[in-house]
């Protein structure tokens, strides 16, 4: 007999959400987290304020992800859209508020309160969280899976890999989940930095010393043609340029595998400047990792592997990414819930629906300040 119904590898945003729904569903579940505390990267989100999602319609959200991420995420986002996520948090004791740019934060503006919410939820639903438990192997067996750590071995009917990408490795995102997937028959898409700044010629920095414009438009230029556009902040750092408009542009450039491109920046007031970045910053500094487990090998209606039955994935371990502003946490939460509901269905459990809306919901129209324009990619 298996030790447990479900093992979740990874205690980040996706793993914590998966554990919460598993507790609601009544699954015997263990979360394995390699660091001494879970949610290390979650604590960094939104400058430690934790931008949980963005208050827009699911259709608009999918449009903003772009190809191929939007179509892949469609079942997950439609099943658990931003409005449902906010209702779920509220129903379980975490009040959220919509702020500038339709970004959704905990009402306290503290990421630590979000992490405490998750760990309290897991405790109250009897979901085991094993910190300082580094999974070293995942093997398929006739009864499910055997997961080995440095100190113990567990057997389970199902496994969810939710280990994140490879950016900010000090938080525990080191690519182990992708390697587990590879040993279980999956192919990996090469890693690239998503949502990262650019190093530029020092003369560019001198021209903008002391500036931090809050509303700029950036056109990504290739062969004198506009490939895509973003909108948001533009920040001058001692190492180069950043800000939401720049980092969103970096994601588009990486998705399209562009080379020899430039950024045409339109400042408020009409000033226009074109900058040719030298290179993006290191992937270790990226807010999101592009690449990972190939989407072609995942059933996007369940998050189950098409290569290894009863193996599921959630979050950034997959080749999914979104713009800055809550898109990546929403993707992590939604894919996690889709995976657990699919596992619950196999075990004859009733699907856990998010709290119903009291009235017909009409998400607010996006503020113009920090939202990227649609990226055509």
Protein backbone atom coordinates (compact mmCIF):
# COMPACT_ATOMS: atom_id res chain seq x y z
CA UNK A 1 0.00 0.00 0.00
CA UNK A 2 1.24 3.50 -0.80
CA UNK A 3 2.35 5.70 2.08
CA UNK A 4 0.21 8.55 0.79
CA UNK A 5 -2.11 9.56 -2.03
CA UNK A 6 -0.01 12.46 -3.28
CA UNK A 7 3.51 13.77 -3.01
CA UNK A 8 4.09 17.38 -4.05
CA UNK A 9 7.71 18.21 -4.75
CA UNK A 10 8.28 21.91 -4.15
CA UNK A 11 6.90 24.29 -1.54
CA UNK A 12 6.63 27.45 -3.63
CA UNK A 13 3.48 29.15 -4.91
CA UNK A 14 2.33 26.21 -7.04
CA UNK A 15 3.20 23.58 -4.45
CA UNK A 16 1.50 25.44 -1.62
CA UNK A 17 -1.67 25.97 -3.64
CA UNK A 18 -1.67 22.31 -4.69
CA UNK A 19 -1.32 21.30 -1.05
CA UNK A 20 -4.22 23.52 0.00
CA UNK A 21 -6.58 22.07 -2.58
CA UNK A 22 -5.40 18.55 -1.75
CA UNK A 23 -6.35 19.28 1.85
CA UNK A 24 -9.76 20.54 0.78
CA UNK A 25 -10.22 17.45 -1.38
CA UNK A 26 -9.28 15.09 1.42
CA UNK A 27 -6.15 13.62 -0.17
CA UNK A 28 -3.40 12.25 2.07
CA UNK A 29 -0.64 14.57 0.99
CA UNK A 30 3.00 15.35 1.74
CA UNK A 31 4.81 18.44 0.42
CA UNK A 32 8.59 18.14 0.13
CA UNK A 33 10.50 21.44 0.29
CA UNK A 34 14.28 21.52 -0.12
CA UNK A 35 14.79 24.75 1.88
CA UNK A 36 14.30 25.06 5.63
CA UNK A 37 11.20 27.18 5.02
CA UNK A 38 8.69 27.13 2.13
CA UNK A 39 7.73 30.03 -0.11
CA UNK A 40 11.12 31.74 -0.27
CA UNK A 41 10.52 33.17 -3.75
CA UNK A 42 6.91 34.01 -2.87
CA UNK A 43 8.25 36.35 -0.19
CA UNK A 44 10.11 38.31 -2.89
CA UNK A 45 7.14 38.79 -5.22
CA UNK A 46 5.97 42.33 -5.87
CA UNK A 47 8.85 43.85 -3.89
CA UNK A 48 7.80 41.71 -0.90
CA UNK A 49 4.20 42.93 -1.22
CA UNK A 50 3.15 39.83 -3.20
CA UNK A 51 1.28 40.81 -6.35
CA UNK A 52 -1.06 37.80 -6.33
CA UNK A 53 -2.82 38.32 -9.66
CA UNK A 54 -4.31 41.04 -11.83
CA UNK A 55 -7.99 41.95 -11.79
CA UNK A 56 -8.86 41.43 -15.44
CA UNK A 57 -11.02 38.95 -17.33
CA UNK A 58 -9.60 35.48 -18.02
CA UNK A 59 -9.91 36.14 -21.74
CA UNK A 60 -7.76 39.26 -21.49
CA UNK A 61 -5.27 37.44 -19.29
CA UNK A 62 -4.85 34.64 -21.83
CA UNK A 63 -4.37 37.22 -24.55
CA UNK A 64 -1.59 38.84 -22.52
CA UNK A 65 0.30 35.57 -22.06
CA UNK A 66 0.58 35.26 -25.84
CA UNK A 67 1.59 32.21 -27.84
CA UNK A 68 2.17 29.41 -26.93
CA UNK A 69 1.51 30.00 -23.24
CA UNK A 70 -2.00 31.46 -23.49
CA UNK A 71 -3.57 28.57 -25.42
CA UNK A 72 -1.87 26.05 -23.12
CA UNK A 73 -3.10 27.78 -19.97
CA UNK A 74 -6.65 28.33 -21.23
CA UNK A 75 -8.26 25.39 -19.35
CA UNK A 76 -6.48 26.28 -16.10
CA UNK A 77 -7.20 30.02 -16.23
CA UNK A 78 -10.83 29.59 -17.31
CA UNK A 79 -11.35 27.07 -14.49
CA UNK A 80 -9.71 29.32 -11.87
CA UNK A 81 -9.58 32.93 -13.15
CA UNK A 82 -8.34 35.97 -11.19
CA UNK A 83 -11.82 36.67 -9.82
CA UNK A 84 -12.10 33.13 -8.42
CA UNK A 85 -8.64 33.34 -6.86
CA UNK A 86 -9.62 36.53 -5.04
CA UNK A 87 -12.86 34.93 -3.80
CA UNK A 88 -10.97 31.86 -2.61
CA UNK A 89 -8.50 33.93 -0.62
CA UNK A 90 -11.32 36.00 0.90
CA UNK A 91 -13.41 32.97 1.82
CA UNK A 92 -10.46 31.47 3.65
CA UNK A 93 -9.43 34.56 5.57
CA UNK A 94 -7.01 36.52 3.39
CA UNK A 95 -8.40 39.87 2.32
CA UNK A 96 -7.05 41.24 -0.97
CA UNK A 97 -7.24 44.66 -2.57
CA UNK A 98 -6.99 45.89 -6.16
CA UNK A 99 -4.43 48.64 -6.51
CA UNK A 100 -2.86 50.69 -9.31
CA UNK A 101 -2.80 48.92 -12.65
CA UNK A 102 -5.46 46.45 -11.43
CA UNK A 103 -2.78 44.57 -9.52
CA UNK A 104 -4.11 42.49 -6.63
CA UNK A 105 -2.23 42.44 -3.31
CA UNK A 106 -2.96 41.20 0.21
CA UNK A 107 -4.63 44.08 2.02
CA UNK A 108 -1.65 44.33 4.37
CA UNK A 109 0.81 44.63 1.48
CA UNK A 110 2.96 41.96 3.13
CA UNK A 111 4.06 38.83 1.30
CA UNK A 112 4.76 37.21 4.66
CA UNK A 113 1.02 37.29 5.41
CA UNK A 114 0.36 35.32 2.22
CA UNK A 115 2.89 32.68 3.22
CA UNK A 116 1.41 32.45 6.71
CA UNK A 117 -2.02 32.05 5.14
CA UNK A 118 -0.82 29.06 3.12
CA UNK A 119 1.03 27.33 5.97
CA UNK A 120 -1.91 27.85 8.35
CA UNK A 121 -4.26 26.42 5.72
CA UNK A 122 -2.07 23.33 5.31
CA UNK A 123 -1.91 22.81 9.07
CA UNK A 124 -5.67 23.11 9.46
CA UNK A 125 -6.28 20.60 6.62
CA UNK A 126 -3.72 18.07 7.96
CA UNK A 127 -1.40 18.39 4.97
CA UNK A 128 2.18 17.43 5.88
CA UNK A 129 4.92 19.88 4.95
CA UNK A 130 8.43 18.45 5.20
CA UNK A 131 10.97 21.27 5.03
CA UNK A 132 14.72 20.65 4.57
CA UNK A 133 13.68 17.58 2.57
CA UNK A 134 15.64 17.46 -0.67
CA UNK A 135 14.11 15.04 -3.16
CA UNK A 136 16.94 13.16 -4.86
CA UNK A 137 15.02 10.81 -7.15
CA UNK A 138 11.54 10.07 -8.46
CA UNK A 139 10.95 6.57 -9.80
CA UNK A 140 7.86 5.09 -11.44
CA UNK A 141 6.63 1.84 -9.91
CA UNK A 142 3.74 -0.54 -10.50
CA UNK A 143 1.88 1.12 -7.61
CA UNK A 144 2.74 4.71 -8.42
CA UNK A 145 5.99 6.42 -7.48
CA UNK A 146 8.87 6.14 -5.07
CA UNK A 147 10.34 9.48 -4.05
CA UNK A 148 13.66 9.42 -2.23
CA UNK A 149 15.14 12.21 -0.11
CA UNK A 150 18.41 12.42 1.78
CA UNK A 151 16.74 11.05 4.91
CA UNK A 152 13.67 9.00 3.95
CA UNK A 153 11.70 7.40 1.14
CA UNK A 154 8.00 7.74 0.39
CA UNK A 155 5.62 5.90 -1.91
CA UNK A 156 2.62 7.54 -3.49
CA UNK A 157 -0.01 6.89 -6.14
CA UNK A 158 0.49 10.38 -7.62
CA UNK A 159 3.23 12.99 -7.81
CA UNK A 160 3.05 16.71 -8.65
CA UNK A 161 6.33 18.36 -9.57
CA UNK A 162 6.14 22.06 -8.64
CA UNK A 163 9.77 23.00 -8.16
CA UNK A 164 9.78 26.25 -10.14
CA UNK A 165 12.38 27.47 -12.63
CA UNK A 166 16.07 28.19 -12.11
CA UNK A 167 16.09 31.92 -11.35
CA UNK A 168 17.05 33.05 -7.84
CA UNK A 169 18.57 29.64 -6.98
CA UNK A 170 19.09 30.69 -3.35
CA UNK A 171 15.31 30.39 -2.93
CA UNK A 172 15.48 26.70 -3.86
CA UNK A 173 14.78 26.92 -7.58
CA UNK A 174 17.68 24.86 -8.90
CA UNK A 175 16.16 22.88 -11.77
CA UNK A 176 15.81 19.56 -9.96
CA UNK A 177 12.18 19.14 -11.00
CA UNK A 178 13.11 19.47 -14.65
CA UNK A 179 15.76 16.78 -14.20
CA UNK A 180 13.22 14.47 -12.54
CA UNK A 181 10.94 15.05 -15.53
CA UNK A 182 13.78 14.21 -17.90
CA UNK A 183 14.49 10.89 -16.16
CA UNK A 184 10.78 10.07 -16.46
CA UNK A 185 10.77 10.54 -20.24
CA UNK A 186 10.22 14.26 -20.74
CA UNK A 187 12.17 16.59 -23.00
CA UNK A 188 13.24 20.02 -21.79
CA UNK A 189 13.04 23.35 -23.59
CA UNK A 190 16.31 25.33 -23.18
CA UNK A 191 16.27 27.90 -20.39
CA UNK A 192 16.16 31.64 -21.09
CA UNK A 193 15.81 34.64 -18.83
CA UNK A 194 12.32 36.08 -18.74
CA UNK A 195 11.39 39.40 -17.09
CA UNK A 196 14.90 40.71 -16.68
CA UNK A 197 16.72 43.98 -17.32
CA UNK A 198 19.35 44.75 -19.95
CA UNK A 199 22.95 45.85 -19.81
CA UNK A 200 23.51 48.86 -22.06
CA UNK A 201 26.30 51.17 -23.15
CA UNK A 202 27.42 53.46 -20.32
CA UNK A 203 26.58 56.51 -22.41
CA UNK A 204 22.90 55.52 -22.24
CA UNK A 205 23.06 55.56 -18.45
CA UNK A 206 24.73 59.00 -18.45
CA UNK A 207 21.98 60.41 -20.66
CA UNK A 208 19.33 59.35 -18.12
CA UNK A 209 21.09 59.95 -14.83
CA UNK A 210 18.51 60.41 -12.08
CA UNK A 211 15.50 59.62 -14.26
CA UNK A 212 12.77 57.13 -13.40
CA UNK A 213 9.83 57.78 -15.74
CA UNK A 214 6.67 55.96 -14.71
CA UNK A 215 4.82 55.67 -18.00
CA UNK A 216 6.72 54.86 -21.17
CA UNK A 217 5.94 52.88 -24.29
CA UNK A 218 8.56 50.53 -25.68
CA UNK A 219 8.48 49.22 -29.23
CA UNK A 220 10.69 46.22 -29.90
CA UNK A 221 12.36 46.90 -33.23
CA UNK A 222 13.78 44.36 -35.67
CA UNK A 223 14.95 45.44 -39.15
CA UNK A 224 13.18 48.78 -38.68
CA UNK A 225 9.88 47.03 -38.02
CA UNK A 226 7.88 46.98 -34.78
CA UNK A 227 7.68 43.39 -33.54
CA UNK A 228 5.74 44.03 -30.33
CA UNK A 229 5.17 46.68 -27.69
CA UNK A 230 5.07 47.05 -23.93
CA UNK A 231 4.13 49.80 -21.52
CA UNK A 232 5.11 50.59 -17.96
CA UNK A 233 8.00 51.97 -15.95
CA UNK A 234 11.53 52.65 -17.15
CA UNK A 235 14.30 52.53 -14.55
CA UNK A 236 17.96 53.44 -14.80
CA UNK A 237 20.23 51.26 -12.68
CA UNK A 238 24.00 51.33 -12.23
CA UNK A 239 24.20 48.14 -14.31
CA UNK A 240 21.69 49.04 -17.04
CA UNK A 241 17.97 49.52 -17.64
CA UNK A 242 14.99 47.90 -15.97
CA UNK A 243 11.40 48.61 -15.00
CA UNK A 244 8.21 46.84 -16.02
CA UNK A 245 8.19 48.04 -19.63
CA UNK A 246 11.77 46.81 -20.07
CA UNK A 247 11.35 43.46 -18.32
CA UNK A 248 8.17 42.69 -20.23
CA UNK A 249 10.06 43.47 -23.43
CA UNK A 250 12.78 41.01 -22.41
CA UNK A 251 10.20 38.24 -22.18
CA UNK A 252 8.89 38.91 -25.69
CA UNK A 253 12.43 39.02 -27.09
CA UNK A 254 13.27 35.70 -25.45
CA UNK A 255 10.04 34.05 -26.62
CA UNK A 256 10.72 35.11 -30.20
CA UNK A 257 14.43 34.27 -29.94
CA UNK A 258 15.27 37.69 -31.37
CA UNK A 259 18.80 38.82 -32.11
CA UNK A 260 20.04 42.19 -33.33
CA UNK A 261 17.04 44.10 -31.97
CA UNK A 262 16.60 47.54 -30.40
CA UNK A 263 14.15 49.23 -28.06
CA UNK A 264 12.38 52.40 -29.15
CA UNK A 265 11.31 54.22 -26.02
CA UNK A 266 8.55 56.83 -26.12
CA UNK A 267 8.53 59.00 -23.02
CA UNK A 268 5.57 60.97 -21.76
CA UNK A 269 5.75 64.37 -23.39
CA UNK A 270 6.80 63.08 -26.78
CA UNK A 271 10.52 62.39 -26.40
CA UNK A 272 11.64 59.27 -28.31
CA UNK A 273 14.92 57.44 -27.95
CA UNK A 274 16.20 54.18 -29.42
CA UNK A 275 18.48 51.96 -27.33
CA UNK A 276 20.33 48.88 -28.50
CA UNK A 277 20.88 46.66 -25.44
CA UNK A 278 24.19 44.86 -25.11
CA UNK A 279 22.70 41.76 -23.48
CA UNK A 280 19.99 40.69 -21.01
CA UNK A 281 21.02 40.22 -17.40
CA UNK A 282 21.73 36.76 -16.01
CA UNK A 283 18.92 34.24 -15.76
CA UNK A 284 19.69 33.99 -12.04
CA UNK A 285 18.29 37.53 -11.73
CA UNK A 286 15.20 36.94 -13.87
CA UNK A 287 11.78 37.18 -12.26
CA UNK A 288 10.67 34.16 -14.26
CA UNK A 289 12.38 31.30 -16.07
CA UNK A 290 11.49 30.57 -19.67
CA UNK A 291 12.04 27.00 -20.78
CA UNK A 292 11.66 23.80 -18.77
CA UNK A 293 9.31 20.88 -19.29
CA UNK A 294 7.88 20.97 -22.81
CA UNK A 295 4.21 21.92 -23.05
CA UNK A 296 3.77 19.44 -25.89
CA UNK A 297 4.16 16.59 -23.42
CA UNK A 298 1.50 17.77 -20.95
CA UNK A 299 -2.28 17.39 -21.08
CA UNK A 300 -3.29 21.00 -20.54
CA UNK A 301 -6.77 20.00 -19.32
CA UNK A 302 -5.35 18.07 -16.37
CA UNK A 303 -1.60 18.96 -16.12
CA UNK A 304 -0.87 15.23 -16.37
CA UNK A 305 2.19 14.00 -18.18
CA UNK A 306 1.61 12.44 -21.59
CA UNK A 307 4.81 10.46 -21.06
CA UNK A 308 4.33 9.11 -17.54
CA UNK A 309 0.80 8.41 -16.24
CA UNK A 310 -0.10 9.80 -12.79
CA UNK A 311 2.74 12.34 -12.94
CA UNK A 312 1.56 15.96 -12.89
CA UNK A 313 3.19 19.38 -13.15
CA UNK A 314 2.31 22.86 -11.90
CA UNK A 315 3.85 26.29 -12.25
CA UNK A 316 7.18 27.48 -13.56
CA UNK A 317 8.77 24.03 -13.84
CA UNK A 318 6.85 24.00 -17.13
CA UNK A 319 7.76 26.20 -20.08
CA UNK A 320 5.18 28.80 -19.05
CA UNK A 321 5.65 32.47 -18.27
CA UNK A 322 3.71 35.70 -18.31
CA UNK A 323 4.19 39.46 -18.11
CA UNK A 324 5.00 41.13 -14.84
CA UNK A 325 2.05 42.09 -12.67
CA UNK A 326 0.61 38.90 -11.16
CA UNK A 327 0.41 36.74 -14.29
CA UNK A 328 3.01 34.23 -13.16
CA UNK A 329 1.53 33.62 -9.72
CA UNK A 330 -1.92 33.25 -11.29
CA UNK A 331 -0.52 30.62 -13.66
CA UNK A 332 1.10 28.78 -10.75
CA UNK A 333 -2.10 28.77 -8.68
CA UNK A 334 -4.38 27.80 -11.58
CA UNK A 335 -2.23 24.94 -12.90
CA UNK A 336 -1.85 23.59 -9.37
CA UNK A 337 -5.60 23.49 -8.80
CA UNK A 338 -6.21 21.88 -12.18
CA UNK A 339 -3.71 19.13 -11.35
CA UNK A 340 -5.18 18.37 -7.92
CA UNK A 341 -8.74 18.35 -9.20
CA UNK A 342 -7.68 15.85 -11.89
CA UNK A 343 -6.03 13.63 -9.29
CA UNK A 344 -9.06 13.89 -7.05
CA UNK A 345 -11.30 12.79 -9.92
CA UNK A 346 -9.17 9.65 -10.39
CA UNK A 347 -9.66 8.84 -6.71
CA UNK A 348 -13.40 9.42 -6.87
CA UNK A 349 -13.29 12.74 -5.01
CA UNK A 350 -15.73 15.55 -5.68
CA UNK A 351 -14.25 18.52 -7.48
CA UNK A 352 -13.65 21.47 -5.19
CA UNK A 353 -15.11 24.58 -6.76
CA UNK A 354 -14.01 28.08 -5.74
CA UNK A 355 -16.59 30.17 -3.85
CA UNK A 356 -19.35 31.38 -6.14
CA UNK A 357 -19.64 35.03 -7.07
CA UNK A 358 -22.45 36.86 -5.32
CA UNK A 359 -23.25 38.89 -8.42
CA UNK A 360 -22.16 38.81 -12.04
CA UNK A 361 -18.53 39.81 -11.99
CA UNK A 362 -17.23 42.49 -14.27
CA UNK A 363 -13.50 42.89 -13.83
CA UNK A 364 -12.34 46.48 -13.85
CA UNK A 365 -10.77 47.74 -17.04
CA UNK A 366 -6.97 47.71 -16.80
CA UNK A 367 -5.35 50.94 -15.68
CA UNK A 368 -2.92 52.23 -18.26
CA UNK A 369 -0.05 52.87 -15.88
CA UNK A 370 1.70 49.52 -15.62
CA UNK A 371 0.02 47.02 -17.91
CA UNK A 372 1.86 45.75 -20.95
CA UNK A 373 0.18 46.01 -24.28
CA UNK A 374 -0.51 42.77 -26.04
CA UNK A 375 2.67 41.08 -27.16
CA UNK A 376 2.27 39.49 -30.55
CA UNK A 377 4.23 36.33 -30.01
